């Protein structure tokens, strides 16, 4: 079930909806307007398809970056 993120074109409210069918009518929860823009969603995916724990997840990139879930030396 895809979850889509929207921003209302009339009032600027940001909201999410689970969309089961393409013809689902989406309206703003704040002003009930049907005018909206779909936003790009940001999602997280485990590196290499593996789950990692905070204690053991340190990755090194070819440039020497050593990132953990709480810190990143890349930026």
PDB file of N, CA and C in Angstrom:
ATOM      1  N   UNK A   1       0.841  -1.172   0.000  1.00  0.00           N
ATOM      2  CA  UNK A   1       0.000   0.000   0.000  1.00  0.00           C
ATOM      3  C   UNK A   1       0.888   1.238   0.000  1.00  0.00           C
ATOM      4  N   UNK A   2       0.850   2.018  -1.042  1.00  0.00           N
ATOM      5  CA  UNK A   2       1.680   3.214  -1.079  1.00  0.00           C
ATOM      6  C   UNK A   2       1.108   4.329  -0.198  1.00  0.00           C
ATOM      7  N   UNK A   3       2.014   5.022   0.483  1.00  0.00           N
ATOM      8  CA  UNK A   3       1.645   6.202   1.252  1.00  0.00           C
ATOM      9  C   UNK A   3       2.172   7.395   0.472  1.00  0.00           C
ATOM     10  N   UNK A   4       1.282   8.321   0.135  1.00  0.00           N
ATOM     11  CA  UNK A   4       1.661   9.509  -0.603  1.00  0.00           C
ATOM     12  C   UNK A   4       1.630  10.722   0.312  1.00  0.00           C
ATOM     13  N   UNK A   5       2.557  11.645   0.096  1.00  0.00           N
ATOM     14  CA  UNK A   5       2.596  12.892   0.840  1.00  0.00           C
ATOM     15  C   UNK A   5       2.096  13.997  -0.069  1.00  0.00           C
ATOM     16  N   UNK A   6       1.268  14.867   0.486  1.00  0.00           N
ATOM     17  CA  UNK A   6       0.660  15.948  -0.278  1.00  0.00           C
ATOM     18  C   UNK A   6       0.861  17.268   0.441  1.00  0.00           C
ATOM     19  N   UNK A   7       0.774  18.364  -0.323  1.00  0.00           N
ATOM     20  CA  UNK A   7       0.658  19.700   0.239  1.00  0.00           C
ATOM     21  C   UNK A   7      -0.540  20.345  -0.447  1.00  0.00           C
ATOM     22  N   UNK A   8      -1.423  20.925   0.351  1.00  0.00           N
ATOM     23  CA  UNK A   8      -2.638  21.555  -0.167  1.00  0.00           C
ATOM     24  C   UNK A   8      -2.266  22.824  -0.924  1.00  0.00           C
ATOM     25  N   UNK A   9      -2.794  22.981  -2.135  1.00  0.00           N
ATOM     26  CA  UNK A   9      -2.523  24.168  -2.939  1.00  0.00           C
ATOM     27  C   UNK A   9      -3.241  25.402  -2.401  1.00  0.00           C
ATOM     28  N   UNK A  10      -4.312  25.205  -1.629  1.00  0.00           N
ATOM     29  CA  UNK A  10      -5.080  26.343  -1.114  1.00  0.00           C
ATOM     30  C   UNK A  10      -4.582  26.857   0.229  1.00  0.00           C
ATOM     31  N   UNK A  11      -4.314  25.949   1.190  1.00  0.00           N
ATOM     32  CA  UNK A  11      -3.948  26.414   2.543  1.00  0.00           C
ATOM     33  C   UNK A  11      -2.527  26.045   2.956  1.00  0.00           C
ATOM     34  N   UNK A  12      -1.823  25.204   2.183  1.00  0.00           N
ATOM     35  CA  UNK A  12      -0.438  24.857   2.491  1.00  0.00           C
ATOM     36  C   UNK A  12      -0.263  23.718   3.483  1.00  0.00           C
ATOM     37  N   UNK A  13      -1.349  23.094   3.904  1.00  0.00           N
ATOM     38  CA  UNK A  13      -1.287  21.981   4.855  1.00  0.00           C
ATOM     39  C   UNK A  13      -0.536  20.797   4.237  1.00  0.00           C
ATOM     40  N   UNK A  14       0.354  20.171   5.009  1.00  0.00           N
ATOM     41  CA  UNK A  14       1.057  18.961   4.582  1.00  0.00           C
ATOM     42  C   UNK A  14       0.344  17.775   5.208  1.00  0.00           C
ATOM     43  N   UNK A  15       0.088  16.724   4.416  1.00  0.00           N
ATOM     44  CA  UNK A  15      -0.592  15.549   4.940  1.00  0.00           C
ATOM     45  C   UNK A  15      -0.237  14.326   4.112  1.00  0.00           C
ATOM     46  N   UNK A  16      -0.509  13.143   4.684  1.00  0.00           N
ATOM     47  CA  UNK A  16      -0.222  11.858   4.027  1.00  0.00           C
ATOM     48  C   UNK A  16      -1.509  11.076   3.867  1.00  0.00           C
ATOM     49  N   UNK A  17      -1.564  10.240   2.841  1.00  0.00           N
ATOM     50  CA  UNK A  17      -2.713   9.367   2.620  1.00  0.00           C
ATOM     51  C   UNK A  17      -2.228   8.027   2.077  1.00  0.00           C
ATOM     52  N   UNK A  18      -2.863   6.958   2.526  1.00  0.00           N
ATOM     53  CA  UNK A  18      -2.654   5.643   1.933  1.00  0.00           C
ATOM     54  C   UNK A  18      -3.618   5.561   0.756  1.00  0.00           C
ATOM     55  N   UNK A  19      -3.095   5.261  -0.417  1.00  0.00           N
ATOM     56  CA  UNK A  19      -3.917   5.247  -1.621  1.00  0.00           C
ATOM     57  C   UNK A  19      -4.028   3.813  -2.122  1.00  0.00           C
ATOM     58  N   UNK A  20      -5.237   3.276  -2.062  1.00  0.00           N
ATOM     59  CA  UNK A  20      -5.489   1.899  -2.477  1.00  0.00           C
ATOM     60  C   UNK A  20      -5.810   1.809  -3.972  1.00  0.00           C
ATOM     61  N   UNK A  21      -6.485   2.828  -4.511  1.00  0.00           N
ATOM     62  CA  UNK A  21      -6.882   2.833  -5.923  1.00  0.00           C
ATOM     63  C   UNK A  21      -6.462   4.147  -6.559  1.00  0.00           C
ATOM     64  N   UNK A  22      -6.197   4.118  -7.848  1.00  0.00           N
ATOM     65  CA  UNK A  22      -5.786   5.328  -8.550  1.00  0.00           C
ATOM     66  C   UNK A  22      -6.864   6.409  -8.534  1.00  0.00           C
ATOM     67  N   UNK A  23      -8.113   6.039  -8.525  1.00  0.00           N
ATOM     68  CA  UNK A  23      -9.185   7.027  -8.594  1.00  0.00           C
ATOM     69  C   UNK A  23      -9.670   7.472  -7.212  1.00  0.00           C
ATOM     70  N   UNK A  24      -8.881   7.261  -6.165  1.00  0.00           N
ATOM     71  CA  UNK A  24      -9.224   7.695  -4.821  1.00  0.00           C
ATOM     72  C   UNK A  24      -9.253   9.220  -4.770  1.00  0.00           C
ATOM     73  N   UNK A  25     -10.306   9.778  -4.202  1.00  0.00           N
ATOM     74  CA  UNK A  25     -10.423  11.227  -4.062  1.00  0.00           C
ATOM     75  C   UNK A  25      -9.699  11.644  -2.785  1.00  0.00           C
ATOM     76  N   UNK A  26      -8.751  12.560  -2.938  1.00  0.00           N
ATOM     77  CA  UNK A  26      -7.943  13.040  -1.825  1.00  0.00           C
ATOM     78  C   UNK A  26      -8.358  14.473  -1.521  1.00  0.00           C
ATOM     79  N   UNK A  27      -8.627  14.768  -0.251  1.00  0.00           N
ATOM     80  CA  UNK A  27      -8.952  16.145   0.131  1.00  0.00           C
ATOM     81  C   UNK A  27      -8.150  16.534   1.364  1.00  0.00           C
ATOM     82  N   UNK A  28      -7.911  17.813   1.502  1.00  0.00           N
ATOM     83  CA  UNK A  28      -7.131  18.356   2.606  1.00  0.00           C
ATOM     84  C   UNK A  28      -7.885  18.184   3.925  1.00  0.00           C
ATOM     85  N   UNK A  29      -7.208  17.704   4.971  1.00  0.00           N
ATOM     86  CA  UNK A  29      -7.879  17.540   6.258  1.00  0.00           C
ATOM     87  C   UNK A  29      -8.181  18.878   6.945  1.00  0.00           C
ATOM     88  N   UNK A  30      -7.507  19.945   6.537  1.00  0.00           N
ATOM     89  CA  UNK A  30      -7.693  21.248   7.174  1.00  0.00           C
ATOM     90  C   UNK A  30      -8.804  22.064   6.510  1.00  0.00           C
ATOM     91  N   UNK A  31      -8.757  22.179   5.169  1.00  0.00           N
ATOM     92  CA  UNK A  31      -9.722  23.042   4.474  1.00  0.00           C
ATOM     93  C   UNK A  31     -10.643  22.275   3.525  1.00  0.00           C
ATOM     94  N   UNK A  32     -10.456  20.973   3.404  1.00  0.00           N
ATOM     95  CA  UNK A  32     -11.222  20.054   2.545  1.00  0.00           C
ATOM     96  C   UNK A  32     -11.087  20.327   1.045  1.00  0.00           C
ATOM     97  N   UNK A  33     -10.088  21.105   0.662  1.00  0.00           N
ATOM     98  CA  UNK A  33      -9.857  21.369  -0.762  1.00  0.00           C
ATOM     99  C   UNK A  33      -9.372  20.105  -1.454  1.00  0.00           C
ATOM    100  N   UNK A  34      -9.724  19.942  -2.709  1.00  0.00           N
ATOM    101  CA  UNK A  34      -9.264  18.816  -3.502  1.00  0.00           C
ATOM    102  C   UNK A  34      -8.039  19.157  -4.330  1.00  0.00           C
ATOM    103  N   UNK A  35      -7.540  20.403  -4.205  1.00  0.00           N
ATOM    104  CA  UNK A  35      -6.364  20.831  -4.960  1.00  0.00           C
ATOM    105  C   UNK A  35      -5.118  20.556  -4.125  1.00  0.00           C
ATOM    106  N   UNK A  36      -4.219  19.738  -4.653  1.00  0.00           N
ATOM    107  CA  UNK A  36      -3.010  19.398  -3.913  1.00  0.00           C
ATOM    108  C   UNK A  36      -1.883  19.058  -4.864  1.00  0.00           C
ATOM    109  N   UNK A  37      -0.686  19.066  -4.325  1.00  0.00           N
ATOM    110  CA  UNK A  37       0.518  18.687  -5.064  1.00  0.00           C
ATOM    111  C   UNK A  37       1.151  17.512  -4.337  1.00  0.00           C
ATOM    112  N   UNK A  38       1.478  16.461  -5.070  1.00  0.00           N
ATOM    113  CA  UNK A  38       2.151  15.303  -4.476  1.00  0.00           C
ATOM    114  C   UNK A  38       3.610  15.675  -4.240  1.00  0.00           C
ATOM    115  N   UNK A  39       4.099  15.372  -3.048  1.00  0.00           N
ATOM    116  CA  UNK A  39       5.477  15.662  -2.669  1.00  0.00           C
ATOM    117  C   UNK A  39       6.337  14.424  -2.856  1.00  0.00           C
ATOM    118  N   UNK A  40       7.614  14.633  -3.080  1.00  0.00           N
ATOM    119  CA  UNK A  40       8.556  13.520  -3.124  1.00  0.00           C
ATOM    120  C   UNK A  40       8.796  13.046  -1.703  1.00  0.00           C
ATOM    121  N   UNK A  41       8.689  11.765  -1.480  1.00  0.00           N
ATOM    122  CA  UNK A  41       8.896  11.204  -0.150  1.00  0.00           C
ATOM    123  C   UNK A  41      10.348  10.799   0.035  1.00  0.00           C
ATOM    124  N   UNK A  42      10.844  10.987   1.230  1.00  0.00           N
ATOM    125  CA  UNK A  42      12.185  10.551   1.584  1.00  0.00           C
ATOM    126  C   UNK A  42      12.023   9.265   2.383  1.00  0.00           C
ATOM    127  N   UNK A  43      12.756   8.251   2.013  1.00  0.00           N
ATOM    128  CA  UNK A  43      12.653   6.988   2.728  1.00  0.00           C
ATOM    129  C   UNK A  43      14.044   6.469   3.021  1.00  0.00           C
ATOM    130  N   UNK A  44      14.130   5.593   3.982  1.00  0.00           N
ATOM    131  CA  UNK A  44      15.414   5.000   4.352  1.00  0.00           C
ATOM    132  C   UNK A  44      15.410   3.533   3.971  1.00  0.00           C
ATOM    133  N   UNK A  45      16.512   3.071   3.452  1.00  0.00           N
ATOM    134  CA  UNK A  45      16.662   1.663   3.103  1.00  0.00           C
ATOM    135  C   UNK A  45      17.994   1.183   3.664  1.00  0.00           C
ATOM    136  N   UNK A  46      18.019   0.005   4.236  1.00  0.00           N
ATOM    137  CA  UNK A  46      19.277  -0.512   4.766  1.00  0.00           C
ATOM    138  C   UNK A  46      20.301  -0.694   3.647  1.00  0.00           C
ATOM    139  N   UNK A  47      21.547  -0.381   3.942  1.00  0.00           N
ATOM    140  CA  UNK A  47      22.612  -0.546   2.963  1.00  0.00           C
ATOM    141  C   UNK A  47      22.801  -2.023   2.648  1.00  0.00           C
ATOM    142  N   UNK A  48      22.964  -2.350   1.403  1.00  0.00           N
ATOM    143  CA  UNK A  48      23.175  -3.727   0.939  1.00  0.00           C
ATOM    144  C   UNK A  48      22.046  -4.674   1.329  1.00  0.00           C
ATOM    145  N   UNK A  49      20.889  -4.140   1.683  1.00  0.00           N
ATOM    146  CA  UNK A  49      19.749  -4.988   2.014  1.00  0.00           C
ATOM    147  C   UNK A  49      19.831  -5.650   3.369  1.00  0.00           C
ATOM    148  N   UNK A  50      20.780  -5.235   4.198  1.00  0.00           N
ATOM    149  CA  UNK A  50      20.947  -5.849   5.513  1.00  0.00           C
ATOM    150  C   UNK A  50      20.486  -4.896   6.598  1.00  0.00           C
ATOM    151  N   UNK A  51      19.891  -5.446   7.616  1.00  0.00           N
ATOM    152  CA  UNK A  51      19.551  -4.642   8.786  1.00  0.00           C
ATOM    153  C   UNK A  51      20.816  -4.441   9.585  1.00  0.00           C
ATOM    154  N   UNK A  52      20.940  -3.270  10.188  1.00  0.00           N
ATOM    155  CA  UNK A  52      22.122  -3.005  10.996  1.00  0.00           C
ATOM    156  C   UNK A  52      21.693  -2.432  12.333  1.00  0.00           C
ATOM    157  N   UNK A  53      22.487  -2.683  13.337  1.00  0.00           N
ATOM    158  CA  UNK A  53      22.199  -2.123  14.648  1.00  0.00           C
ATOM    159  C   UNK A  53      23.038  -0.873  14.831  1.00  0.00           C
ATOM    160  N   UNK A  54      22.589   0.001  15.720  1.00  0.00           N
ATOM    161  CA  UNK A  54      23.303   1.248  15.954  1.00  0.00           C
ATOM    162  C   UNK A  54      24.705   0.996  16.504  1.00  0.00           C
ATOM    163  N   UNK A  55      24.871  -0.053  17.276  1.00  0.00           N
ATOM    164  CA  UNK A  55      26.166  -0.328  17.889  1.00  0.00           C
ATOM    165  C   UNK A  55      27.196  -0.828  16.882  1.00  0.00           C
ATOM    166  N   UNK A  56      26.745  -1.517  15.841  1.00  0.00           N
ATOM    167  CA  UNK A  56      27.718  -2.127  14.946  1.00  0.00           C
ATOM    168  C   UNK A  56      27.694  -1.559  13.534  1.00  0.00           C
ATOM    169  N   UNK A  57      26.936  -0.487  13.296  1.00  0.00           N
ATOM    170  CA  UNK A  57      26.865  -0.001  11.919  1.00  0.00           C
ATOM    171  C   UNK A  57      27.793   1.174  11.703  1.00  0.00           C
ATOM    172  N   UNK A  58      28.940   0.902  11.173  1.00  0.00           N
ATOM    173  CA  UNK A  58      29.876   1.909  10.722  1.00  0.00           C
ATOM    174  C   UNK A  58      30.242   1.529   9.304  1.00  0.00           C
ATOM    175  N   UNK A  59      30.073   2.479   8.407  1.00  0.00           N
ATOM    176  CA  UNK A  59      30.389   2.189   7.018  1.00  0.00           C
ATOM    177  C   UNK A  59      31.515   3.103   6.570  1.00  0.00           C
ATOM    178  N   UNK A  60      32.378   2.580   5.769  1.00  0.00           N
ATOM    179  CA  UNK A  60      33.471   3.378   5.226  1.00  0.00           C
ATOM    180  C   UNK A  60      33.314   3.428   3.722  1.00  0.00           C
ATOM    181  N   UNK A  61      33.275   4.636   3.197  1.00  0.00           N
ATOM    182  CA  UNK A  61      33.165   4.792   1.758  1.00  0.00           C
ATOM    183  C   UNK A  61      34.560   4.843   1.155  1.00  0.00           C
ATOM    184  N   UNK A  62      34.674   4.736  -0.167  1.00  0.00           N
ATOM    185  CA  UNK A  62      35.991   4.784  -0.794  1.00  0.00           C
ATOM    186  C   UNK A  62      36.744   6.070  -0.477  1.00  0.00           C
ATOM    187  N   UNK A  63      36.029   7.149  -0.145  1.00  0.00           N
ATOM    188  CA  UNK A  63      36.686   8.410   0.176  1.00  0.00           C
ATOM    189  C   UNK A  63      37.142   8.501   1.614  1.00  0.00           C
ATOM    190  N   UNK A  64      36.922   7.464   2.426  1.00  0.00           N
ATOM    191  CA  UNK A  64      37.371   7.475   3.802  1.00  0.00           C
ATOM    192  C   UNK A  64      36.322   7.939   4.797  1.00  0.00           C
ATOM    193  N   UNK A  65      35.111   8.116   4.382  1.00  0.00           N
ATOM    194  CA  UNK A  65      34.049   8.558   5.264  1.00  0.00           C
ATOM    195  C   UNK A  65      33.663   7.420   6.215  1.00  0.00           C
ATOM    196  N   UNK A  66      33.508   7.724   7.485  1.00  0.00           N
ATOM    197  CA  UNK A  66      33.068   6.726   8.454  1.00  0.00           C
ATOM    198  C   UNK A  66      31.780   7.224   9.103  1.00  0.00           C
ATOM    199  N   UNK A  67      30.654   6.694   8.672  1.00  0.00           N
ATOM    200  CA  UNK A  67      29.367   7.157   9.167  1.00  0.00           C
ATOM    201  C   UNK A  67      28.724   6.116  10.072  1.00  0.00           C
ATOM    202  N   UNK A  68      28.031   6.609  11.075  1.00  0.00           N
ATOM    203  CA  UNK A  68      27.216   5.785  11.956  1.00  0.00           C
ATOM    204  C   UNK A  68      25.819   6.393  11.968  1.00  0.00           C
ATOM    205  N   UNK A  69      24.829   5.747  12.568  1.00  0.00           N
ATOM    206  CA  UNK A  69      23.489   6.347  12.605  1.00  0.00           C
ATOM    207  C   UNK A  69      23.446   7.687  13.328  1.00  0.00           C
ATOM    208  N   UNK A  70      24.374   7.969  14.237  1.00  0.00           N
ATOM    209  CA  UNK A  70      24.344   9.232  14.978  1.00  0.00           C
ATOM    210  C   UNK A  70      25.328  10.290  14.469  1.00  0.00           C
ATOM    211  N   UNK A  71      26.339   9.902  13.723  1.00  0.00           N
ATOM    212  CA  UNK A  71      27.314  10.863  13.212  1.00  0.00           C
ATOM    213  C   UNK A  71      27.696  10.541  11.779  1.00  0.00           C
ATOM    214  N   UNK A  72      28.149  11.553  11.077  1.00  0.00           N
ATOM    215  CA  UNK A  72      28.602  11.340   9.713  1.00  0.00           C
ATOM    216  C   UNK A  72      29.821  12.211   9.450  1.00  0.00           C
ATOM    217  N   UNK A  73      30.881  11.582   9.014  1.00  0.00           N
ATOM    218  CA  UNK A  73      32.090  12.322   8.714  1.00  0.00           C
ATOM    219  C   UNK A  73      32.158  12.762   7.261  1.00  0.00           C
ATOM    220  N   UNK A  74      31.137  12.487   6.480  1.00  0.00           N
ATOM    221  CA  UNK A  74      31.138  12.830   5.059  1.00  0.00           C
ATOM    222  C   UNK A  74      30.941  14.324   4.820  1.00  0.00           C
ATOM    223  N   UNK A  75      30.184  14.968   5.685  1.00  0.00           N
ATOM    224  CA  UNK A  75      29.789  16.352   5.409  1.00  0.00           C
ATOM    225  C   UNK A  75      30.354  17.302   6.432  1.00  0.00           C
TER     226      UNK A  75
END
